[in-house]
Protein backbone atom coordinates (compact mmCIF):
# COMPACT_ATOMS: atom_id res chain seq x y z
CA MET A 1 15.99 -6.17 13.41
CA HIS A 2 16.04 -4.51 10.05
CA ASN A 3 13.57 -6.68 8.17
CA MET A 4 9.87 -6.52 9.03
CA PHE A 5 9.16 -10.05 7.89
CA ILE A 6 12.00 -11.59 9.91
CA GLU A 7 11.11 -9.36 12.86
CA ASN A 8 7.53 -10.62 12.80
CA LEU A 9 8.70 -14.21 12.45
CA ILE A 10 10.93 -13.88 15.52
CA GLU A 11 8.43 -11.95 17.66
CA THR A 12 5.17 -13.72 16.77
CA GLY A 13 6.20 -17.00 15.16
CA LEU A 14 5.07 -18.53 11.91
CA ILE A 15 1.39 -17.79 12.49
CA GLY A 16 2.16 -14.11 13.15
CA LEU A 17 4.29 -13.93 10.00
CA ILE A 18 1.52 -15.46 7.92
CA LEU A 19 -1.07 -13.04 9.34
CA TYR A 20 1.25 -10.07 8.80
CA SER A 21 1.99 -11.16 5.22
CA VAL A 22 -1.72 -11.59 4.45
CA TYR A 23 -2.36 -8.16 5.96
CA ILE A 24 0.38 -6.48 3.90
CA PHE A 25 -0.52 -8.20 0.64
CA SER A 26 -4.22 -7.45 1.10
CA PHE A 27 -3.23 -3.78 1.14
CA TRP A 28 -1.19 -4.40 -2.01
CA ASN A 29 -4.19 -5.98 -3.75
CA SER A 30 -6.43 -3.12 -2.61
CA ALA A 31 -4.02 -0.59 -4.03
CA LYS A 32 -3.88 -2.44 -7.35
CA LYS A 33 -7.66 -2.91 -7.57
CA SER A 34 -8.36 0.74 -6.82
CA GLY A 35 -6.66 1.68 -10.06
CA ASP A 36 -4.65 4.37 -8.30
CA VAL A 37 -1.14 4.01 -9.72
CA PHE A 38 0.32 6.25 -7.02
CA ALA A 39 -1.15 4.11 -4.23
CA ALA A 40 0.17 0.93 -5.86
CA ALA A 41 3.62 2.49 -6.26
CA VAL A 42 3.63 3.65 -2.63
CA MET A 43 2.61 0.20 -1.47
CA ALA A 44 5.27 -1.50 -3.62
CA GLY A 45 7.87 0.87 -2.22
CA MET A 46 6.70 0.17 1.30
CA ILE A 47 6.98 -3.60 0.80
CA VAL A 48 10.52 -3.21 -0.53
CA MET A 49 11.34 -0.77 2.27
CA SER A 50 10.06 -3.20 4.91
CA LEU A 51 12.84 -5.57 3.88
CA SER A 52 15.36 -3.15 5.37
CA VAL A 53 13.48 -1.03 7.94
CA SER A 54 11.86 -1.70 11.30
CA ILE A 55 8.35 -0.44 12.12
CA TYR A 56 9.63 0.90 15.40
CA ALA A 57 12.38 2.94 13.73
CA PHE A 58 10.27 4.16 10.79
CA LYS A 59 6.98 5.58 12.08
CA PRO A 60 5.62 6.79 8.70
CA TYR A 61 5.03 3.11 7.92
CA TRP A 62 1.62 3.35 9.58
CA ASN A 63 0.80 6.58 7.72
CA ILE A 64 1.35 4.73 4.46
CA MET A 65 -1.02 1.96 5.58
CA ILE A 66 -3.68 4.51 6.51
CA TYR A 67 -3.25 6.21 3.14
CA ILE A 68 -3.82 2.91 1.32
CA LEU A 69 -6.95 2.27 3.44
CA CYS A 70 -8.29 5.70 2.49
CA VAL A 71 -7.64 5.08 -1.19
CA GLN A 72 -9.33 1.69 -0.97
CA ASN A 73 -12.34 3.18 0.80
CA ARG A 74 -12.60 5.99 -1.76
CA ALA A 75 -12.48 3.52 -4.65
CA ALA A 76 -15.17 1.34 -3.05
CA ARG A 77 -17.46 4.35 -2.57
CA ARG A 78 -16.88 5.39 -6.18
CA GLU A 79 -17.90 1.92 -7.38
CA GLU A 80 -21.03 2.01 -5.18
CA ARG A 81 -22.03 5.37 -6.66
CA LYS A 82 -21.53 4.07 -10.20
CA GLU A 83 -23.67 1.03 -9.40
CA ARG A 84 -26.45 3.22 -7.94
CA ARG A 85 -26.40 5.41 -11.06
CA ARG A 86 -26.65 2.33 -13.29
CA ARG A 87 -29.60 1.02 -11.29
CA ARG A 88 -31.36 4.38 -11.41
CA ALA A 89 -30.79 4.64 -15.16
CA SER A 90 -32.11 1.13 -15.77
CA THR A 91 -35.14 1.85 -13.55
CA ARG A 92 -35.89 5.02 -15.50
CA GLU A 93 -35.60 3.17 -18.80
CA GLY A 94 -38.00 0.51 -17.51
CA GLU A 95 -40.50 3.15 -16.39
CA ALA A 96 -40.25 4.91 -19.75
CA ARG A 97 -41.13 1.69 -21.58
CA ILE A 98 -44.27 1.18 -19.53
């Protein structure tokens, strides 16, 4: 097969295709939400590429997925740090008022 979506439909059925699609598009949403334009572009390219390439023939497919996971994780940690800084700043302001 040369199309990942059709390949998943044939191998795992409709349920497998739905799970695979949710999995792929959750990575797409993560890439968009992270604000990293490069990660979103890589993910868009990978989705288009998966219409004409098999996972078994194109091994870097999984490297791209891991890259997107790393970007997502980095963005989440950055947001957590910003939130902690905001809380500390608001705590300090509250202590200064007392």
